[in-house]
Amino acid sequence: MENRLHDFVPDDLYRAVVLQSPDWLWVFDETGSPVGLSPEPNYGSALFRWVYESDLLPLQQACRRLLQEREPFTMTFRAVLPDGALVWLEGQGYPLAGKSSGWQAALTAKDITAFKKQKERLTRLAYYDPLTQLPNRRLFQDRFIQSLHMAKRYHHKLAVIYLDLDDFKRINDTYGHATGDELLTMAASRLSHSIREPDTVCRMGGDEFVVLVQQFEHREDVAKIVDRIAQTLNQPFELNGQTMSITSSIGVSCYPEDGHEIDALLQCADTAMYASKQQGKNHFRFFSNP
């Protein structure tokens, strides 16, 4: 025999219990209009009123299938509270037998905002440099693999730009590591604003950075990007009342001419960078086979 809580608990007591629950609950009737039961201050309000715009259509479609085809679902979506706060909810929709001839359905949801924020924090720790907030080596490798797959499939070219800041050790020794870290952060910001939208800049470690350049026709196109990077970094930095100037040594390798895998292309770009440094710093070179 089906156990229905309403058959044993008065409506006012049932409502009081529901409103004390930290979970969200909506009940659907055969008209398809969901009405909220909890938590306050959402009692008696329509579910779809609160759902974040880009998550609304998938949820509406799932609810429609639930009502019409009795198809349960589990879905993560966002809701906007009256104060503007955004919360993540993990919802489960399931059918209910109605007291009358029609059918009902319910959607329960748990607030998983804290879990989502923790997951995002761990993702940033895993894939982003904590000082500059740039992608780190691991994320660079992931993006490179994806870009290389597309380049091989559609016969595109790729370039790897490897650079470091000339005489950066002198900055640390003269002004201290805190100032050096601030300079790295500012340089990273300039790098991010000097590349194209589809390209990626990452911090490899220390004062070394790498840029992945996607889809170009000629080496001259890459040279223009390198020139823009160099000019951006050559502009004076204002730090703690001090004006500092730095230069960079840059090396470039290209796919497919210089290699077909990430390690080979990074090594070629690194070799070209050290060649430009030996040339007198504040230079750039394309890799060339001996």
Protein backbone atom coordinates (compact mmCIF):
# COMPACT_ATOMS: atom_id res chain seq x y z
CA MET A 1 0.00 0.00 0.00
CA GLU A 2 1.31 3.41 -0.93
CA ASN A 3 2.39 5.52 2.03
CA ARG A 4 1.32 9.17 1.74
CA LEU A 5 2.41 11.58 4.43
CA HIS A 6 -0.65 13.75 3.87
CA ASP A 7 -2.92 10.87 4.88
CA PHE A 8 -1.46 10.81 8.41
CA VAL A 9 -0.21 14.37 9.14
CA PRO A 10 -2.47 17.45 9.21
CA ASP A 11 -1.72 20.04 6.50
CA ASP A 12 -0.64 22.74 8.93
CA LEU A 13 1.78 20.41 10.72
CA TYR A 14 3.07 19.06 7.40
CA ARG A 15 3.65 22.61 6.19
CA ALA A 16 5.50 23.52 9.39
CA VAL A 17 7.81 20.51 9.02
CA VAL A 18 8.51 21.30 5.38
CA LEU A 19 9.30 24.94 6.10
CA GLN A 20 11.91 23.91 8.66
CA SER A 21 13.76 21.86 6.02
CA PRO A 22 16.92 23.36 4.53
CA ASP A 23 15.98 21.80 1.19
CA TRP A 24 13.87 23.35 -1.52
CA LEU A 25 10.62 21.63 -2.55
CA TRP A 26 8.16 22.27 -5.35
CA VAL A 27 5.05 20.24 -6.17
CA PHE A 28 3.62 20.19 -9.69
CA ASP A 29 0.00 19.59 -10.57
CA GLU A 30 -1.34 18.45 -13.91
CA THR A 31 -1.32 22.05 -15.18
CA GLY A 32 2.44 22.05 -14.99
CA SER A 33 2.68 25.03 -12.64
CA PRO A 34 5.25 24.43 -9.89
CA VAL A 35 4.61 26.07 -6.52
CA GLY A 36 7.34 26.40 -3.89
CA LEU A 37 6.84 25.03 -0.38
CA SER A 38 10.22 25.82 1.15
CA PRO A 39 12.44 27.37 2.31
CA GLU A 40 11.39 30.81 3.46
CA PRO A 41 11.07 33.39 1.92
CA ASN A 42 10.20 31.30 -1.15
CA TYR A 43 7.08 29.65 0.22
CA GLY A 44 4.27 29.73 -2.29
CA SER A 45 6.37 31.14 -5.12
CA ALA A 46 6.78 29.73 -8.61
CA LEU A 47 10.00 27.81 -9.20
CA PHE A 48 10.79 29.28 -12.59
CA ARG A 49 10.73 32.81 -11.19
CA TRP A 50 13.99 32.15 -9.35
CA VAL A 51 15.94 30.09 -11.88
CA TYR A 52 19.02 31.69 -13.46
CA GLU A 53 18.28 32.64 -17.05
CA SER A 54 20.76 30.35 -18.85
CA ASP A 55 19.62 27.34 -16.74
CA LEU A 56 15.89 27.95 -17.18
CA LEU A 57 15.18 26.21 -20.50
CA PRO A 58 16.86 22.85 -19.65
CA LEU A 59 14.98 22.75 -16.33
CA GLN A 60 11.67 23.59 -17.96
CA GLN A 61 12.19 20.83 -20.51
CA ALA A 62 13.04 18.30 -17.80
CA CYS A 63 9.96 19.31 -15.79
CA ARG A 64 7.77 19.00 -18.87
CA ARG A 65 9.00 15.44 -19.49
CA LEU A 66 8.45 14.66 -15.82
CA LEU A 67 4.82 15.78 -16.00
CA GLN A 68 3.97 14.33 -19.38
CA GLU A 69 6.05 11.16 -19.50
CA ARG A 70 6.68 10.49 -15.79
CA GLU A 71 10.43 10.63 -16.46
CA PRO A 72 12.51 11.34 -13.31
CA PHE A 73 15.60 13.53 -13.57
CA THR A 74 18.56 14.86 -11.63
CA MET A 75 19.91 18.26 -12.60
CA THR A 76 22.18 20.98 -11.27
CA PHE A 77 20.97 24.54 -11.79
CA ARG A 78 21.33 28.02 -10.35
CA ALA A 79 18.74 30.19 -8.60
CA VAL A 80 18.78 33.93 -7.90
CA LEU A 81 17.50 34.91 -4.45
CA PRO A 82 15.55 38.12 -3.79
CA ASP A 83 18.70 39.82 -2.47
CA GLY A 84 20.52 39.00 -5.73
CA ALA A 85 22.62 36.18 -4.29
CA LEU A 86 23.29 33.28 -6.65
CA VAL A 87 22.96 29.74 -5.28
CA TRP A 88 23.67 26.37 -6.86
CA LEU A 89 20.98 23.72 -6.42
CA GLU A 90 21.08 20.01 -7.14
CA GLY A 91 17.53 19.02 -7.96
CA GLN A 92 15.72 15.69 -8.31
CA GLY A 93 12.39 15.49 -10.07
CA TYR A 94 10.11 12.50 -9.54
CA PRO A 95 6.45 11.60 -10.14
CA LEU A 96 3.80 11.43 -7.41
CA ALA A 97 0.40 9.79 -7.43
CA GLY A 98 -2.27 12.45 -7.05
CA LYS A 99 -5.27 12.23 -4.69
CA SER A 100 -7.62 12.88 -7.60
CA SER A 101 -7.66 11.41 -11.06
CA GLY A 102 -4.69 13.48 -12.15
CA TRP A 103 -0.99 13.05 -11.47
CA GLN A 104 1.41 15.20 -9.55
CA ALA A 105 5.17 15.55 -9.56
CA ALA A 106 7.76 16.99 -7.19
CA LEU A 107 11.14 18.63 -7.44
CA THR A 108 13.41 18.64 -4.40
CA ALA A 109 16.70 20.50 -4.37
CA LYS A 110 19.69 20.82 -2.08
CA ASP A 111 21.84 23.93 -1.83
CA ILE A 112 25.31 22.88 -3.04
CA THR A 113 26.77 26.38 -3.32
CA ALA A 114 29.51 25.70 -0.75
CA PHE A 115 30.49 22.50 -2.57
CA LYS A 116 30.62 24.34 -5.91
CA LYS A 117 32.80 27.10 -4.49
CA GLN A 118 35.16 24.56 -2.97
CA LYS A 119 35.37 22.71 -6.27
CA GLU A 120 36.12 25.95 -8.12
CA ARG A 121 38.80 26.80 -5.56
CA LEU A 122 40.47 23.41 -5.98
CA THR A 123 40.28 23.76 -9.77
CA ARG A 124 42.02 27.13 -9.59
CA LEU A 125 44.71 25.65 -7.36
CA ALA A 126 45.23 22.82 -9.82
CA TYR A 127 45.20 24.83 -13.05
CA TYR A 128 46.13 28.44 -12.21
CA ASP A 129 49.24 30.10 -10.85
CA PRO A 130 48.39 31.45 -7.37
CA LEU A 131 50.54 34.59 -7.75
CA THR A 132 49.59 35.86 -11.21
CA GLN A 133 46.28 34.00 -11.67
CA LEU A 134 47.49 32.96 -15.12
CA PRO A 135 47.03 29.38 -16.35
CA ASN A 136 49.85 27.18 -15.08
CA ARG A 137 51.89 24.55 -16.90
CA ARG A 138 49.21 21.87 -16.39
CA LEU A 139 46.42 23.96 -17.94
CA PHE A 140 48.74 25.06 -20.73
CA GLN A 141 49.41 21.41 -21.58
CA ASP A 142 45.67 20.64 -21.64
CA ARG A 143 44.94 23.57 -23.95
CA PHE A 144 47.92 22.74 -26.13
CA ILE A 145 46.74 19.16 -26.61
CA GLN A 146 43.28 20.38 -27.63
CA SER A 147 44.73 23.00 -29.98
CA LEU A 148 47.16 20.50 -31.48
CA HIS A 149 44.34 18.08 -32.18
CA MET A 150 42.43 20.79 -34.06
CA ALA A 151 45.58 21.95 -35.86
CA LYS A 152 46.30 18.44 -37.12
CA ARG A 153 42.69 17.93 -38.17
CA TYR A 154 42.28 21.23 -40.03
CA HIS A 155 45.92 21.79 -41.03
CA HIS A 156 46.34 24.92 -38.90
CA LYS A 157 49.62 26.30 -37.63
CA LEU A 158 50.55 26.83 -33.99
CA ALA A 159 53.35 28.78 -32.36
CA VAL A 160 54.90 28.64 -28.90
CA ILE A 161 56.39 31.87 -27.57
CA TYR A 162 58.76 31.34 -24.64
CA LEU A 163 59.99 34.40 -22.74
CA ASP A 164 61.64 35.44 -19.53
CA LEU A 165 62.33 38.81 -17.95
CA ASP A 166 65.93 39.96 -18.35
CA ASP A 167 67.89 40.42 -15.12
CA PHE A 168 64.86 39.73 -12.95
CA LYS A 169 67.13 38.45 -10.19
CA ARG A 170 68.48 41.99 -9.87
CA ILE A 171 64.96 43.25 -9.09
CA ASN A 172 64.59 40.69 -6.29
CA ASP A 173 68.05 41.43 -4.91
CA THR A 174 67.62 45.21 -5.02
CA TYR A 175 64.02 45.70 -3.99
CA GLY A 176 63.07 42.42 -2.29
CA HIS A 177 60.95 39.45 -3.27
CA ALA A 178 57.66 41.15 -2.42
CA THR A 179 58.37 43.84 -5.01
CA GLY A 180 59.52 41.16 -7.42
CA ASP A 181 56.25 39.30 -6.98
CA GLU A 182 54.29 42.49 -7.59
CA LEU A 183 56.28 43.13 -10.75
CA LEU A 184 55.54 39.59 -11.95
CA THR A 185 51.84 40.14 -11.32
CA MET A 186 51.84 43.40 -13.29
CA ALA A 187 53.84 41.83 -16.12
CA ALA A 188 51.38 38.94 -16.26
CA SER A 189 48.49 41.39 -16.54
CA ARG A 190 50.21 43.19 -19.41
CA LEU A 191 50.87 39.89 -21.16
CA SER A 192 47.22 38.89 -20.85
CA HIS A 193 46.14 42.14 -22.52
CA SER A 194 48.69 41.94 -25.32
CA ILE A 195 47.62 38.62 -26.84
CA ARG A 196 44.70 37.75 -29.07
CA GLU A 197 41.43 36.32 -27.75
CA PRO A 198 42.01 32.66 -28.78
CA ASP A 199 45.62 32.58 -27.53
CA THR A 200 46.79 31.49 -24.08
CA VAL A 201 49.50 32.89 -21.84
CA CYS A 202 50.72 30.93 -18.84
CA ARG A 203 53.37 31.22 -16.19
CA MET A 204 55.81 28.35 -16.35
CA GLY A 205 57.56 29.31 -13.12
CA GLY A 206 59.85 32.04 -11.84
CA ASP A 207 59.96 34.83 -14.41
CA GLU A 208 59.27 32.54 -17.38
CA PHE A 209 56.06 32.73 -19.41
CA VAL A 210 54.73 30.89 -22.44
CA VAL A 211 52.18 32.00 -25.02
CA LEU A 212 50.31 29.55 -27.25
CA VAL A 213 49.45 31.23 -30.56
CA GLN A 214 46.70 29.60 -32.60
CA GLN A 215 45.82 29.82 -36.28
CA PHE A 216 48.19 32.13 -38.11
CA GLU A 217 49.21 32.22 -41.74
CA HIS A 218 52.79 33.50 -41.78
CA ARG A 219 55.67 33.86 -39.35
CA GLU A 220 55.31 37.62 -39.73
CA ASP A 221 51.96 37.31 -37.94
CA VAL A 222 53.69 35.77 -34.94
CA ALA A 223 56.47 38.35 -35.11
CA LYS A 224 53.86 41.11 -34.76
CA ILE A 225 52.49 39.46 -31.61
CA VAL A 226 56.02 39.12 -30.19
CA ASP A 227 56.73 42.77 -30.97
CA ARG A 228 53.54 43.83 -29.20
CA ILE A 229 54.49 41.74 -26.15
CA ALA A 230 57.99 43.21 -26.03
CA GLN A 231 56.75 46.79 -26.34
CA THR A 232 54.17 46.20 -23.61
CA LEU A 233 56.76 44.83 -21.19
CA ASN A 234 59.25 47.59 -22.05
CA GLN A 235 56.91 50.26 -20.66
CA PRO A 236 58.09 51.44 -17.21
CA PHE A 237 56.51 49.90 -14.11
CA GLU A 238 55.53 52.08 -11.15
CA LEU A 239 56.02 50.12 -7.92
CA ASN A 240 56.06 51.51 -4.39
CA GLY A 241 57.12 54.92 -5.60
CA GLN A 242 59.85 53.42 -7.78
CA THR A 243 60.01 53.46 -11.57
CA MET A 244 61.40 50.22 -12.94
CA SER A 245 62.14 49.15 -16.49
CA ILE A 246 62.62 45.60 -17.69
CA THR A 247 63.19 43.90 -20.99
CA SER A 248 62.50 40.35 -22.14
CA SER A 249 64.24 37.67 -24.15
CA ILE A 250 61.88 35.72 -26.39
CA GLY A 251 62.08 32.54 -28.43
CA VAL A 252 59.52 31.11 -30.84
CA SER A 253 58.88 27.64 -32.25
CA CYS A 254 56.25 26.72 -34.82
CA TYR A 255 54.11 23.69 -35.54
CA PRO A 256 54.57 21.73 -37.73
CA GLU A 257 58.02 22.96 -38.81
CA ASP A 258 59.78 22.60 -35.46
CA GLY A 259 57.93 19.66 -33.92
CA HIS A 260 54.65 17.84 -33.52
CA GLU A 261 54.41 17.44 -29.75
CA ILE A 262 54.35 19.85 -26.83
CA ASP A 263 57.69 18.84 -25.30
CA ALA A 264 59.54 19.25 -28.58
CA LEU A 265 57.99 22.64 -29.32
CA LEU A 266 58.64 23.92 -25.79
CA GLN A 267 62.26 22.80 -26.00
CA CYS A 268 62.73 24.50 -29.37
CA ALA A 269 61.17 27.74 -28.11
CA ASP A 270 63.31 27.60 -24.96
CA THR A 271 66.45 27.08 -27.08
CA ALA A 272 65.52 30.06 -29.24
CA MET A 273 64.94 32.18 -26.13
CA TYR A 274 68.39 31.46 -24.76
CA ALA A 275 69.88 32.22 -28.16
CA SER A 276 68.19 35.64 -28.09
CA LYS A 277 69.50 36.20 -24.55
CA GLN A 278 73.04 35.39 -25.67
CA GLN A 279 72.53 37.83 -28.52
CA GLY A 280 72.39 40.62 -25.94
CA LYS A 281 68.94 40.31 -24.33
CA ASN A 282 65.88 42.31 -25.30
CA HIS A 283 65.69 40.29 -28.52
CA PHE A 284 63.59 37.51 -30.00
CA ARG A 285 64.44 34.66 -32.31
CA PHE A 286 62.62 31.94 -34.15
CA PHE A 287 64.03 28.47 -33.61
CA SER A 288 66.29 27.30 -36.38
CA ASN A 289 67.72 23.82 -36.80
CA PRO A 290 71.53 23.75 -36.73
